[in-house]
Amino acid sequence: MAAGWDRRTPLLSLDDATLARLLAPRWADARIQSAERISGGLANTNYRVLMEGREESLVVRVYTREPEACAREAALLRLVAESVPVPEVLYAEPEVGRYEHPYIVLSWMDGVPFEDALATLPAEEAPALAAALGATAARIGSFTFAEPGFLDANLNIRERLVIGPEGLRAWIPDMLRGRAGERLGAELTTRLLRQIDRHADELAPLAGQRALIHADYRNGNILVRRDDTHGWRVSAVLDWEFAFVGASVFDLGSLLRREAELPPGFADACVAAYRAQGGFAPPNWRRMTLLMDLVNLCDFLNAPHPRAAMVADLTILVRATVERLEHGKPEGEPETGD
């Protein structure tokens, strides 16, 4: 979990009989050999399940935070499957019926969570891992829609968004007038608003973009693998429930949020691969990612139910971002970057 954040919803406990019932539409005679609840995530409940007579594990994913996300995530996984490594949708029940929550059954994906791989990564291998992450982000963004906005279960736009300076100047002040501003405090809120006013126009090149965004492209949602043939590669991108349509570079903001903790040059190698795969990242990409990630951070802070660890960590992240923007050139950005 991100910096010790508490869960949004309690974990569900599913016994073997319940899991067998959930698998029955696809495997009528399913018998559970083993089942374990998967740690990680802050909202939904995931079980790794092995059925008798089957060599490969499955994942049963139960949606407790947003029931409507089940159908949307199933549709997104099917959409991107040929271009992005994602689990196969083996069965989905988006309506409450067989169980009290919607659920989906997915193929198990092998790999190491990105942050775990990073912890033991040799310095000389950092550029290759960064490139794999950047290239995959670009492939996600290669899917485009008619207009920017939030998606419904059929991947139609249910709520349109304004992408670019106008959107930034609307979203962040609105959140800061509410719970986000209360939690950040007056001093930091004022400084943040000053930087939004100063830098928002830098998002002008992104106005109207309508690319698919994973929107939580980081940490345990990215599984990676290294082999002698291919080197580092992304083996799976998980948890698509927050995906929406806008500027693809938003995903780089999530991925590079804690850039100071990444190996030197990691961000630059990531963005170079992102560009090589067709991703749009102008010279001022660092400020763009910082500004767009502030939308993400303020949205978390604006949540109705405060969680102490989350608020504390988000406040640190917002303060660090504001300080980078106040410097005029984000810390660590090469002098030739702009």
C-alpha atoms as a PDB file:
ATOM      1  CA  MET A   1       0.000   0.000   0.000  1.00  0.00           C
ATOM      2  CA  ALA A   2       1.149   3.530  -0.752  1.00  0.00           C
ATOM      3  CA  ALA A   3       3.205   4.838   2.166  1.00  0.00           C
ATOM      4  CA  GLY A   4       1.136   2.879   4.693  1.00  0.00           C
ATOM      5  CA  TRP A   5      -2.241   4.272   3.573  1.00  0.00           C
ATOM      6  CA  ASP A   6      -5.229   2.646   5.227  1.00  0.00           C
ATOM      7  CA  ARG A   7      -7.784   0.749   3.170  1.00  0.00           C
ATOM      8  CA  ARG A   8     -10.913   2.504   1.948  1.00  0.00           C
ATOM      9  CA  THR A   9     -13.131  -0.542   2.494  1.00  0.00           C
ATOM     10  CA  PRO A  10     -12.733  -3.668   4.663  1.00  0.00           C
ATOM     11  CA  LEU A  11     -11.327  -6.788   3.053  1.00  0.00           C
ATOM     12  CA  LEU A  12     -13.889  -9.491   2.365  1.00  0.00           C
ATOM     13  CA  SER A  13     -13.389 -13.033   3.594  1.00  0.00           C
ATOM     14  CA  LEU A  14     -14.394 -15.668   1.032  1.00  0.00           C
ATOM     15  CA  ASP A  15     -14.423 -19.350   1.954  1.00  0.00           C
ATOM     16  CA  ASP A  16     -13.870 -22.181  -0.515  1.00  0.00           C
ATOM     17  CA  ALA A  17     -17.587 -22.805  -0.962  1.00  0.00           C
ATOM     18  CA  THR A  18     -18.203 -19.173  -1.869  1.00  0.00           C
ATOM     19  CA  LEU A  19     -15.297 -19.097  -4.299  1.00  0.00           C
ATOM     20  CA  ALA A  20     -16.503 -22.290  -5.959  1.00  0.00           C
ATOM     21  CA  ARG A  21     -19.943 -20.708  -6.369  1.00  0.00           C
ATOM     22  CA  LEU A  22     -18.422 -17.643  -8.018  1.00  0.00           C
ATOM     23  CA  LEU A  23     -16.466 -19.844 -10.429  1.00  0.00           C
ATOM     24  CA  ALA A  24     -19.420 -22.117 -11.240  1.00  0.00           C
ATOM     25  CA  PRO A  25     -20.694 -20.168 -14.310  1.00  0.00           C
ATOM     26  CA  ARG A  26     -17.405 -20.964 -16.089  1.00  0.00           C
ATOM     27  CA  TRP A  27     -16.429 -24.186 -14.274  1.00  0.00           C
ATOM     28  CA  ALA A  28     -19.573 -25.933 -13.069  1.00  0.00           C
ATOM     29  CA  ASP A  29     -17.705 -28.577 -11.086  1.00  0.00           C
ATOM     30  CA  ALA A  30     -15.078 -26.264  -9.635  1.00  0.00           C
ATOM     31  CA  ARG A  31     -13.343 -27.598  -6.538  1.00  0.00           C
ATOM     32  CA  ILE A  32     -10.909 -25.367  -4.717  1.00  0.00           C
ATOM     33  CA  GLN A  33      -7.434 -26.746  -4.100  1.00  0.00           C
ATOM     34  CA  SER A  34      -6.070 -23.586  -2.522  1.00  0.00           C
ATOM     35  CA  ALA A  35      -7.098 -19.968  -2.075  1.00  0.00           C
ATOM     36  CA  GLU A  36      -5.303 -16.985  -0.590  1.00  0.00           C
ATOM     37  CA  ARG A  37      -6.270 -13.387  -0.274  1.00  0.00           C
ATOM     38  CA  ILE A  38      -3.855 -11.139  -2.143  1.00  0.00           C
ATOM     39  CA  SER A  39      -2.436  -8.248  -0.161  1.00  0.00           C
ATOM     40  CA  GLY A  40      -2.196  -4.767  -1.622  1.00  0.00           C
ATOM     41  CA  GLY A  41      -4.825  -2.430  -2.972  1.00  0.00           C
ATOM     42  CA  LEU A  42      -6.940  -0.071  -0.923  1.00  0.00           C
ATOM     43  CA  ALA A  43     -10.495  -0.862  -1.943  1.00  0.00           C
ATOM     44  CA  ASN A  44     -11.416  -4.145  -3.631  1.00  0.00           C
ATOM     45  CA  THR A  45     -10.763  -7.734  -2.527  1.00  0.00           C
ATOM     46  CA  ASN A  46      -8.668 -10.127  -4.631  1.00  0.00           C
ATOM     47  CA  TYR A  47      -8.145 -13.864  -4.157  1.00  0.00           C
ATOM     48  CA  ARG A  48      -5.634 -16.092  -5.876  1.00  0.00           C
ATOM     49  CA  VAL A  49      -7.359 -19.419  -6.466  1.00  0.00           C
ATOM     50  CA  LEU A  50      -6.118 -22.761  -7.728  1.00  0.00           C
ATOM     51  CA  MET A  51      -8.760 -25.284  -8.733  1.00  0.00           C
ATOM     52  CA  GLU A  52      -8.234 -29.025  -8.569  1.00  0.00           C
ATOM     53  CA  GLY A  53      -7.116 -30.384 -11.924  1.00  0.00           C
ATOM     54  CA  ARG A  54      -5.894 -27.008 -13.180  1.00  0.00           C
ATOM     55  CA  GLU A  55      -2.247 -25.994 -13.327  1.00  0.00           C
ATOM     56  CA  GLU A  56      -2.704 -22.227 -13.538  1.00  0.00           C
ATOM     57  CA  SER A  57      -4.056 -20.004 -10.797  1.00  0.00           C
ATOM     58  CA  LEU A  58      -6.951 -17.588 -11.236  1.00  0.00           C
ATOM     59  CA  VAL A  59      -7.790 -14.284  -9.608  1.00  0.00           C
ATOM     60  CA  VAL A  60     -11.256 -13.595  -8.251  1.00  0.00           C
ATOM     61  CA  ARG A  61     -11.639  -9.828  -7.930  1.00  0.00           C
ATOM     62  CA  VAL A  62     -14.622  -8.487  -5.969  1.00  0.00           C
ATOM     63  CA  TYR A  63     -15.634  -4.824  -6.375  1.00  0.00           C
ATOM     64  CA  THR A  64     -16.618  -3.101  -3.156  1.00  0.00           C
ATOM     65  CA  ARG A  65     -15.586   0.517  -3.763  1.00  0.00           C
ATOM     66  CA  GLU A  66     -17.408   1.171  -7.046  1.00  0.00           C
ATOM     67  CA  PRO A  67     -19.661  -1.647  -8.317  1.00  0.00           C
ATOM     68  CA  GLU A  68     -19.862  -0.083 -11.794  1.00  0.00           C
ATOM     69  CA  ALA A  69     -16.101  -0.498 -12.186  1.00  0.00           C
ATOM     70  CA  CYS A  70     -16.477  -4.233 -12.790  1.00  0.00           C
ATOM     71  CA  ALA A  71     -18.009  -3.954 -16.266  1.00  0.00           C
ATOM     72  CA  ARG A  72     -15.775  -1.019 -17.190  1.00  0.00           C
ATOM     73  CA  GLU A  73     -12.580  -2.805 -16.176  1.00  0.00           C
ATOM     74  CA  ALA A  74     -13.609  -5.971 -18.039  1.00  0.00           C
ATOM     75  CA  ALA A  75     -14.233  -3.936 -21.192  1.00  0.00           C
ATOM     76  CA  LEU A  76     -10.895  -2.103 -20.883  1.00  0.00           C
ATOM     77  CA  LEU A  77      -8.930  -5.314 -20.386  1.00  0.00           C
ATOM     78  CA  ARG A  78     -10.481  -6.769 -23.536  1.00  0.00           C
ATOM     79  CA  LEU A  79      -9.800  -3.548 -25.447  1.00  0.00           C
ATOM     80  CA  VAL A  80      -6.068  -3.310 -24.725  1.00  0.00           C
ATOM     81  CA  ALA A  81      -5.210  -7.015 -24.527  1.00  0.00           C
ATOM     82  CA  GLU A  82      -3.361  -7.200 -27.850  1.00  0.00           C
ATOM     83  CA  SER A  83      -1.124  -4.194 -27.109  1.00  0.00           C
ATOM     84  CA  VAL A  84      -0.668  -4.124 -23.326  1.00  0.00           C
ATOM     85  CA  PRO A  85       0.101  -7.101 -21.035  1.00  0.00           C
ATOM     86  CA  VAL A  86      -3.051  -7.535 -18.972  1.00  0.00           C
ATOM     87  CA  PRO A  87      -4.934 -10.448 -17.391  1.00  0.00           C
ATOM     88  CA  GLU A  88      -7.397 -12.324 -19.545  1.00  0.00           C
ATOM     89  CA  VAL A  89     -11.039 -11.869 -18.550  1.00  0.00           C
ATOM     90  CA  LEU A  90     -12.313 -15.400 -17.951  1.00  0.00           C
ATOM     91  CA  TYR A  91     -15.688 -14.444 -16.491  1.00  0.00           C
ATOM     92  CA  ALA A  92     -17.374 -11.264 -15.305  1.00  0.00           C
ATOM     93  CA  GLU A  93     -20.579 -10.756 -13.368  1.00  0.00           C
ATOM     94  CA  PRO A  94     -21.085  -6.978 -13.218  1.00  0.00           C
ATOM     95  CA  GLU A  95     -24.522  -7.181 -11.609  1.00  0.00           C
ATOM     96  CA  VAL A  96     -25.228  -8.255  -8.045  1.00  0.00           C
ATOM     97  CA  GLY A  97     -26.777 -11.701  -8.221  1.00  0.00           C
ATOM     98  CA  ARG A  98     -24.667 -14.728  -7.470  1.00  0.00           C
ATOM     99  CA  TYR A  99     -22.851 -12.656  -4.860  1.00  0.00           C
ATOM    100  CA  GLU A 100     -23.515  -9.441  -2.946  1.00  0.00           C
ATOM    101  CA  HIS A 101     -20.901  -7.560  -4.993  1.00  0.00           C
ATOM    102  CA  PRO A 102     -19.959  -7.589  -8.682  1.00  0.00           C
ATOM    103  CA  TYR A 103     -16.910  -9.690  -9.453  1.00  0.00           C
ATOM    104  CA  ILE A 104     -14.562 -10.728 -12.224  1.00  0.00           C
ATOM    105  CA  VAL A 105     -12.402 -13.812 -12.774  1.00  0.00           C
ATOM    106  CA  LEU A 106      -8.998 -13.143 -14.324  1.00  0.00           C
ATOM    107  CA  SER A 107      -5.984 -15.142 -15.370  1.00  0.00           C
ATOM    108  CA  TRP A 108      -3.070 -15.033 -12.947  1.00  0.00           C
ATOM    109  CA  MET A 109      -0.142 -12.885 -14.134  1.00  0.00           C
ATOM    110  CA  ASP A 110       3.396 -13.632 -12.998  1.00  0.00           C
ATOM    111  CA  GLY A 111       5.766 -10.816 -12.174  1.00  0.00           C
ATOM    112  CA  VAL A 112       7.302  -8.687  -9.464  1.00  0.00           C
ATOM    113  CA  PRO A 113       5.667  -5.432  -8.374  1.00  0.00           C
ATOM    114  CA  PHE A 114       7.588  -2.496  -9.799  1.00  0.00           C
ATOM    115  CA  GLU A 115       8.572  -1.065  -6.403  1.00  0.00           C
ATOM    116  CA  ASP A 116       9.884  -4.467  -5.257  1.00  0.00           C
ATOM    117  CA  ALA A 117      12.049  -4.802  -8.368  1.00  0.00           C
ATOM    118  CA  LEU A 118      13.308  -1.276  -7.830  1.00  0.00           C
ATOM    119  CA  ALA A 119      14.468  -2.059  -4.307  1.00  0.00           C
ATOM    120  CA  THR A 120      17.129  -4.512  -5.520  1.00  0.00           C
ATOM    121  CA  LEU A 121      17.726  -3.122  -9.016  1.00  0.00           C
ATOM    122  CA  PRO A 122      21.398  -2.866 -10.071  1.00  0.00           C
ATOM    123  CA  ALA A 123      22.161   0.695 -11.180  1.00  0.00           C
ATOM    124  CA  GLU A 124      23.211  -0.407 -14.655  1.00  0.00           C
ATOM    125  CA  GLU A 125      19.797  -2.025 -15.259  1.00  0.00           C
ATOM    126  CA  ALA A 126      17.731   1.014 -14.271  1.00  0.00           C
ATOM    127  CA  PRO A 127      17.534   2.504 -17.798  1.00  0.00           C
ATOM    128  CA  ALA A 128      16.187  -0.751 -19.250  1.00  0.00           C
ATOM    129  CA  LEU A 129      13.471  -1.029 -16.611  1.00  0.00           C
ATOM    130  CA  ALA A 130      12.590   2.652 -17.045  1.00  0.00           C
ATOM    131  CA  ALA A 131      12.335   2.186 -20.805  1.00  0.00           C
ATOM    132  CA  ALA A 132       9.981  -0.777 -20.414  1.00  0.00           C
ATOM    133  CA  LEU A 133       7.687   1.287 -18.196  1.00  0.00           C
ATOM    134  CA  GLY A 134       7.726   4.289 -20.526  1.00  0.00           C
ATOM    135  CA  ALA A 135       7.039   2.222 -23.632  1.00  0.00           C
ATOM    136  CA  THR A 136       4.088   0.480 -21.967  1.00  0.00           C
ATOM    137  CA  ALA A 137       2.628   3.823 -20.871  1.00  0.00           C
ATOM    138  CA  ALA A 138       2.786   4.985 -24.491  1.00  0.00           C
ATOM    139  CA  ARG A 139       0.996   1.847 -25.701  1.00  0.00           C
ATOM    140  CA  ILE A 140      -1.792   2.493 -23.205  1.00  0.00           C
ATOM    141  CA  GLY A 141      -2.075   6.039 -24.540  1.00  0.00           C
ATOM    142  CA  SER A 142      -2.242   4.805 -28.133  1.00  0.00           C
ATOM    143  CA  PHE A 143      -5.938   4.011 -27.610  1.00  0.00           C
ATOM    144  CA  THR A 144      -8.024   7.082 -28.349  1.00  0.00           C
ATOM    145  CA  PHE A 145     -11.676   8.022 -27.926  1.00  0.00           C
ATOM    146  CA  ALA A 146     -14.062  10.553 -29.411  1.00  0.00           C
ATOM    147  CA  GLU A 147     -13.540  13.063 -26.596  1.00  0.00           C
ATOM    148  CA  PRO A 148     -11.896  13.303 -23.163  1.00  0.00           C
ATOM    149  CA  GLY A 149     -13.831  12.254 -20.093  1.00  0.00           C
ATOM    150  CA  PHE A 150     -14.883   9.484 -17.737  1.00  0.00           C
ATOM    151  CA  LEU A 151     -15.945   6.142 -19.205  1.00  0.00           C
ATOM    152  CA  ASP A 152     -19.083   4.117 -18.646  1.00  0.00           C
ATOM    153  CA  ALA A 153     -19.407   0.336 -18.707  1.00  0.00           C
ATOM    154  CA  ASN A 154     -19.534   0.324 -22.514  1.00  0.00           C
ATOM    155  CA  LEU A 155     -16.502   2.628 -22.818  1.00  0.00           C
ATOM    156  CA  ASN A 156     -18.603   5.566 -23.910  1.00  0.00           C
ATOM    157  CA  ILE A 157     -17.915   8.972 -22.379  1.00  0.00           C
ATOM    158  CA  ARG A 158     -20.410   9.450 -19.550  1.00  0.00           C
ATOM    159  CA  GLU A 159     -18.931  12.750 -18.335  1.00  0.00           C
ATOM    160  CA  ARG A 160     -16.844  15.049 -20.480  1.00  0.00           C
ATOM    161  CA  LEU A 161     -13.616  16.606 -19.177  1.00  0.00           C
ATOM    162  CA  VAL A 162     -11.752  19.726 -20.221  1.00  0.00           C
ATOM    163  CA  ILE A 163      -8.069  18.906 -20.654  1.00  0.00           C
ATOM    164  CA  GLY A 164      -5.442  21.660 -20.517  1.00  0.00           C
ATOM    165  CA  PRO A 165      -5.037  24.984 -18.694  1.00  0.00           C
ATOM    166  CA  GLU A 166      -8.767  25.597 -18.386  1.00  0.00           C
ATOM    167  CA  GLY A 167      -9.340  22.239 -16.753  1.00  0.00           C
ATOM    168  CA  LEU A 168      -6.447  22.641 -14.324  1.00  0.00           C
ATOM    169  CA  ARG A 169      -7.627  26.103 -13.275  1.00  0.00           C
ATOM    170  CA  ALA A 170     -11.100  24.692 -12.629  1.00  0.00           C
ATOM    171  CA  TRP A 171     -10.332  21.384 -10.913  1.00  0.00           C
ATOM    172  CA  ILE A 172      -7.678  22.258  -8.363  1.00  0.00           C
ATOM    173  CA  PRO A 173      -9.194  25.498  -6.990  1.00  0.00           C
ATOM    174  CA  ASP A 174     -12.536  23.719  -6.710  1.00  0.00           C
ATOM    175  CA  MET A 175     -11.002  20.914  -4.627  1.00  0.00           C
ATOM    176  CA  LEU A 176      -9.012  23.370  -2.540  1.00  0.00           C
ATOM    177  CA  ARG A 177     -12.217  25.192  -1.617  1.00  0.00           C
ATOM    178  CA  GLY A 178     -13.364  21.948  -0.030  1.00  0.00           C
ATOM    179  CA  ARG A 179     -11.793  19.200   2.052  1.00  0.00           C
ATOM    180  CA  ALA A 180      -8.450  19.238   0.205  1.00  0.00           C
ATOM    181  CA  GLY A 181      -7.804  22.846   1.205  1.00  0.00           C
ATOM    182  CA  GLU A 182      -8.824  22.217   4.799  1.00  0.00           C
ATOM    183  CA  ARG A 183      -6.400  19.294   5.061  1.00  0.00           C
ATOM    184  CA  LEU A 184      -3.482  21.111   3.437  1.00  0.00           C
ATOM    185  CA  GLY A 185      -3.954  24.250   5.509  1.00  0.00           C
ATOM    186  CA  ALA A 186      -4.102  27.890   4.437  1.00  0.00           C
ATOM    187  CA  GLU A 187      -0.366  28.446   3.900  1.00  0.00           C
ATOM    188  CA  LEU A 188       0.217  25.478   1.577  1.00  0.00           C
ATOM    189  CA  THR A 189      -3.092  26.002  -0.205  1.00  0.00           C
ATOM    190  CA  THR A 190      -2.152  29.604  -1.030  1.00  0.00           C
ATOM    191  CA  ARG A 191       1.243  28.544  -2.349  1.00  0.00           C
ATOM    192  CA  LEU A 192      -0.317  25.781  -4.433  1.00  0.00           C
ATOM    193  CA  LEU A 193      -2.870  28.130  -6.001  1.00  0.00           C
ATOM    194  CA  ARG A 194      -0.075  30.566  -6.831  1.00  0.00           C
ATOM    195  CA  GLN A 195       1.801  27.862  -8.749  1.00  0.00           C
ATOM    196  CA  ILE A 196      -1.326  26.760 -10.604  1.00  0.00           C
ATOM    197  CA  ASP A 197      -1.872  30.328 -11.729  1.00  0.00           C
ATOM    198  CA  ARG A 198       1.786  30.640 -12.707  1.00  0.00           C
ATOM    199  CA  HIS A 199       2.172  27.394 -14.641  1.00  0.00           C
ATOM    200  CA  ALA A 200      -1.266  26.278 -15.885  1.00  0.00           C
ATOM    201  CA  ASP A 201      -0.702  27.650 -19.395  1.00  0.00           C
ATOM    202  CA  GLU A 202       2.128  25.149 -19.835  1.00  0.00           C
ATOM    203  CA  LEU A 203      -0.568  22.495 -20.307  1.00  0.00           C
ATOM    204  CA  ALA A 204      -1.853  24.230 -23.451  1.00  0.00           C
ATOM    205  CA  PRO A 205      -0.278  21.609 -25.788  1.00  0.00           C
ATOM    206  CA  LEU A 206      -2.395  18.943 -24.034  1.00  0.00           C
ATOM    207  CA  ALA A 207      -5.746  20.673 -24.592  1.00  0.00           C
ATOM    208  CA  GLY A 208      -8.306  18.352 -26.107  1.00  0.00           C
ATOM    209  CA  GLN A 209      -6.191  15.198 -25.957  1.00  0.00           C
ATOM    210  CA  ARG A 210      -8.313  12.068 -25.797  1.00  0.00           C
ATOM    211  CA  ALA A 211      -5.980   9.183 -25.038  1.00  0.00           C
ATOM    212  CA  LEU A 212      -6.646   6.302 -22.677  1.00  0.00           C
ATOM    213  CA  ILE A 213      -5.112   6.849 -19.236  1.00  0.00           C
ATOM    214  CA  HIS A 214      -4.662   4.036 -16.726  1.00  0.00           C
ATOM    215  CA  ALA A 215      -4.699   6.707 -13.962  1.00  0.00           C
ATOM    216  CA  ASP A 216      -2.986   4.565 -11.321  1.00  0.00           C
ATOM    217  CA  TYR A 217       0.106   3.546 -13.263  1.00  0.00           C
ATOM    218  CA  ARG A 218       2.547   2.868 -10.441  1.00  0.00           C
ATOM    219  CA  ASN A 219       3.803   0.534  -7.740  1.00  0.00           C
ATOM    220  CA  GLY A 220       1.937  -2.771  -7.361  1.00  0.00           C
ATOM    221  CA  ASN A 221      -0.273  -2.126 -10.379  1.00  0.00           C
ATOM    222  CA  ILE A 222       2.749  -2.723 -12.613  1.00  0.00           C
ATOM    223  CA  LEU A 223       4.346  -6.177 -12.609  1.00  0.00           C
ATOM    224  CA  VAL A 224       7.769  -6.552 -14.217  1.00  0.00           C
ATOM    225  CA  ARG A 225      10.073  -9.421 -15.133  1.00  0.00           C
ATOM    226  CA  ARG A 226      13.652  -9.814 -16.233  1.00  0.00           C
ATOM    227  CA  ASP A 227      14.939 -12.643 -18.394  1.00  0.00           C
ATOM    228  CA  ASP A 228      18.193 -13.277 -20.222  1.00  0.00           C
ATOM    229  CA  THR A 229      16.538 -12.999 -23.637  1.00  0.00           C
ATOM    230  CA  HIS A 230      14.477  -9.830 -23.354  1.00  0.00           C
ATOM    231  CA  GLY A 231      15.905  -8.114 -20.286  1.00  0.00           C
ATOM    232  CA  TRP A 232      13.393  -6.072 -18.306  1.00  0.00           C
ATOM    233  CA  ARG A 233       9.813  -5.957 -19.509  1.00  0.00           C
ATOM    234  CA  VAL A 234       6.398  -5.165 -18.098  1.00  0.00           C
ATOM    235  CA  SER A 235       4.600  -8.464 -17.550  1.00  0.00           C
ATOM    236  CA  ALA A 236       1.238  -7.035 -16.464  1.00  0.00           C
ATOM    237  CA  VAL A 237      -0.642  -3.801 -15.876  1.00  0.00           C
ATOM    238  CA  LEU A 238      -3.351  -4.385 -13.273  1.00  0.00           C
ATOM    239  CA  ASP A 239      -6.287  -2.528 -11.698  1.00  0.00           C
ATOM    240  CA  TRP A 240      -7.894  -0.423 -14.437  1.00  0.00           C
ATOM    241  CA  GLU A 241     -10.873   0.798 -12.422  1.00  0.00           C
ATOM    242  CA  PHE A 242      -9.760   4.456 -12.394  1.00  0.00           C
ATOM    243  CA  ALA A 243      -9.013   4.677 -16.130  1.00  0.00           C
ATOM    244  CA  PHE A 244     -10.330   7.665 -18.049  1.00  0.00           C
ATOM    245  CA  VAL A 245      -9.642   9.593 -21.265  1.00  0.00           C
ATOM    246  CA  GLY A 246      -7.416  12.656 -21.497  1.00  0.00           C
ATOM    247  CA  ALA A 247      -3.678  13.390 -21.811  1.00  0.00           C
ATOM    248  CA  SER A 248      -1.593  10.223 -21.679  1.00  0.00           C
ATOM    249  CA  VAL A 249       1.297  12.001 -19.955  1.00  0.00           C
ATOM    250  CA  PHE A 250      -0.913  11.905 -16.830  1.00  0.00           C
ATOM    251  CA  ASP A 251       0.300   8.313 -16.327  1.00  0.00           C
ATOM    252  CA  LEU A 252       3.904   9.507 -16.221  1.00  0.00           C
ATOM    253  CA  GLY A 253       2.919  11.833 -13.396  1.00  0.00           C
ATOM    254  CA  SER A 254       1.729   8.867 -11.334  1.00  0.00           C
ATOM    255  CA  LEU A 255       4.742   6.731 -12.217  1.00  0.00           C
ATOM    256  CA  LEU A 256       7.340   9.421 -11.522  1.00  0.00           C
ATOM    257  CA  ARG A 257       5.589  10.967  -8.521  1.00  0.00           C
ATOM    258  CA  ARG A 258       8.470  10.138  -6.175  1.00  0.00           C
ATOM    259  CA  GLU A 259      11.240  10.875  -8.672  1.00  0.00           C
ATOM    260  CA  ALA A 260      13.746  11.674  -5.929  1.00  0.00           C
ATOM    261  CA  GLU A 261      13.545   8.031  -4.808  1.00  0.00           C
ATOM    262  CA  LEU A 262      14.236   6.663  -8.304  1.00  0.00           C
ATOM    263  CA  PRO A 263      17.717   5.908  -9.662  1.00  0.00           C
ATOM    264  CA  PRO A 264      19.475   8.855 -11.333  1.00  0.00           C
ATOM    265  CA  GLY A 265      18.336   9.255 -14.930  1.00  0.00           C
ATOM    266  CA  PHE A 266      15.393   6.892 -14.481  1.00  0.00           C
ATOM    267  CA  ALA A 267      12.771   9.485 -15.387  1.00  0.00           C
ATOM    268  CA  ASP A 268      14.661  10.651 -18.469  1.00  0.00           C
ATOM    269  CA  ALA A 269      15.073   7.081 -19.758  1.00  0.00           C
ATOM    270  CA  CYS A 270      11.390   6.414 -19.121  1.00  0.00           C
ATOM    271  CA  VAL A 271      10.265   9.497 -21.045  1.00  0.00           C
ATOM    272  CA  ALA A 272      12.673   8.801 -23.915  1.00  0.00           C
ATOM    273  CA  ALA A 273      11.100   5.356 -24.408  1.00  0.00           C
ATOM    274  CA  TYR A 274       7.632   6.842 -24.051  1.00  0.00           C
ATOM    275  CA  ARG A 275       8.406   9.276 -26.870  1.00  0.00           C
ATOM    276  CA  ALA A 276       9.998   6.547 -29.003  1.00  0.00           C
ATOM    277  CA  GLN A 277       6.730   4.603 -28.817  1.00  0.00           C
ATOM    278  CA  GLY A 278       4.715   7.628 -29.946  1.00  0.00           C
ATOM    279  CA  GLY A 279       3.889   9.194 -26.581  1.00  0.00           C
ATOM    280  CA  PHE A 280       3.519  12.977 -26.512  1.00  0.00           C
ATOM    281  CA  ALA A 281       5.933  14.555 -24.025  1.00  0.00           C
ATOM    282  CA  PRO A 282       7.001  18.147 -24.847  1.00  0.00           C
ATOM    283  CA  PRO A 283      10.289  19.579 -23.512  1.00  0.00           C
ATOM    284  CA  ASN A 284       8.567  20.825 -20.348  1.00  0.00           C
ATOM    285  CA  TRP A 285       7.209  17.351 -19.580  1.00  0.00           C
ATOM    286  CA  ARG A 286       8.413  17.472 -15.968  1.00  0.00           C
ATOM    287  CA  ARG A 287       6.280  20.467 -15.087  1.00  0.00           C
ATOM    288  CA  MET A 288       3.391  18.942 -17.032  1.00  0.00           C
ATOM    289  CA  THR A 289       3.573  15.727 -15.018  1.00  0.00           C
ATOM    290  CA  LEU A 290       3.901  17.623 -11.744  1.00  0.00           C
ATOM    291  CA  LEU A 291       0.871  19.792 -12.526  1.00  0.00           C
ATOM    292  CA  MET A 292      -1.266  16.873 -13.663  1.00  0.00           C
ATOM    293  CA  ASP A 293      -0.314  14.745 -10.693  1.00  0.00           C
ATOM    294  CA  LEU A 294      -1.446  17.576  -8.399  1.00  0.00           C
ATOM    295  CA  VAL A 295      -4.954  16.875  -9.719  1.00  0.00           C
ATOM    296  CA  ASN A 296      -4.539  13.286  -8.561  1.00  0.00           C
ATOM    297  CA  LEU A 297      -3.142  14.255  -5.163  1.00  0.00           C
ATOM    298  CA  CYS A 298      -5.823  16.884  -4.487  1.00  0.00           C
ATOM    299  CA  ASP A 299      -8.530  14.444  -5.540  1.00  0.00           C
ATOM    300  CA  PHE A 300      -7.292  11.972  -2.929  1.00  0.00           C
ATOM    301  CA  LEU A 301      -7.197  14.759  -0.338  1.00  0.00           C
ATOM    302  CA  ASN A 302     -10.747  15.731  -1.225  1.00  0.00           C
ATOM    303  CA  ALA A 303     -12.100  12.258  -0.390  1.00  0.00           C
ATOM    304  CA  PRO A 304     -14.970  12.307   2.117  1.00  0.00           C
ATOM    305  CA  HIS A 305     -13.419   9.956   4.673  1.00  0.00           C
ATOM    306  CA  PRO A 306     -10.000  11.146   5.881  1.00  0.00           C
ATOM    307  CA  ARG A 307      -7.330   8.567   6.687  1.00  0.00           C
ATOM    308  CA  ALA A 308      -4.489   9.936   8.767  1.00  0.00           C
ATOM    309  CA  ALA A 309      -1.593   8.163   7.014  1.00  0.00           C
ATOM    310  CA  MET A 310      -2.949   9.074   3.590  1.00  0.00           C
ATOM    311  CA  VAL A 311      -3.446  12.751   4.449  1.00  0.00           C
ATOM    312  CA  ALA A 312       0.017  13.012   5.978  1.00  0.00           C
ATOM    313  CA  ASP A 313       1.727  11.426   2.970  1.00  0.00           C
ATOM    314  CA  LEU A 314      -0.264  13.447   0.448  1.00  0.00           C
ATOM    315  CA  THR A 315       0.563  16.668   2.258  1.00  0.00           C
ATOM    316  CA  ILE A 316       4.271  15.841   2.027  1.00  0.00           C
ATOM    317  CA  LEU A 317       3.913  15.087  -1.688  1.00  0.00           C
ATOM    318  CA  VAL A 318       1.982  18.303  -2.402  1.00  0.00           C
ATOM    319  CA  ARG A 319       4.487  20.393  -0.463  1.00  0.00           C
ATOM    320  CA  ALA A 320       7.414  18.809  -2.336  1.00  0.00           C
ATOM    321  CA  THR A 321       5.692  19.420  -5.679  1.00  0.00           C
ATOM    322  CA  VAL A 322       4.953  23.036  -4.834  1.00  0.00           C
ATOM    323  CA  GLU A 323       8.578  23.571  -3.830  1.00  0.00           C
ATOM    324  CA  ARG A 324       9.805  22.120  -7.129  1.00  0.00           C
ATOM    325  CA  LEU A 325       7.500  24.438  -9.061  1.00  0.00           C
ATOM    326  CA  GLU A 326       8.546  27.420  -6.956  1.00  0.00           C
ATOM    327  CA  HIS A 327      12.168  26.842  -7.949  1.00  0.00           C
ATOM    328  CA  GLY A 328      11.226  27.732 -11.514  1.00  0.00           C
ATOM    329  CA  LYS A 329      12.861  24.565 -12.865  1.00  0.00           C
ATOM    330  CA  PRO A 330      11.896  21.291 -11.185  1.00  0.00           C
ATOM    331  CA  GLU A 331      14.701  19.819  -9.168  1.00  0.00           C
ATOM    332  CA  GLY A 332      16.701  17.298 -11.161  1.00  0.00           C
ATOM    333  CA  GLU A 333      15.599  18.604 -14.569  1.00  0.00           C
ATOM    334  CA  PRO A 334      18.587  18.932 -16.904  1.00  0.00           C
ATOM    335  CA  GLU A 335      19.553  22.456 -17.911  1.00  0.00           C
ATOM    336  CA  THR A 336      18.840  21.506 -21.531  1.00  0.00           C
ATOM    337  CA  GLY A 337      15.360  20.199 -20.697  1.00  0.00           C
ATOM    338  CA  ASP A 338      13.395  23.326 -21.655  1.00  0.00           C
END
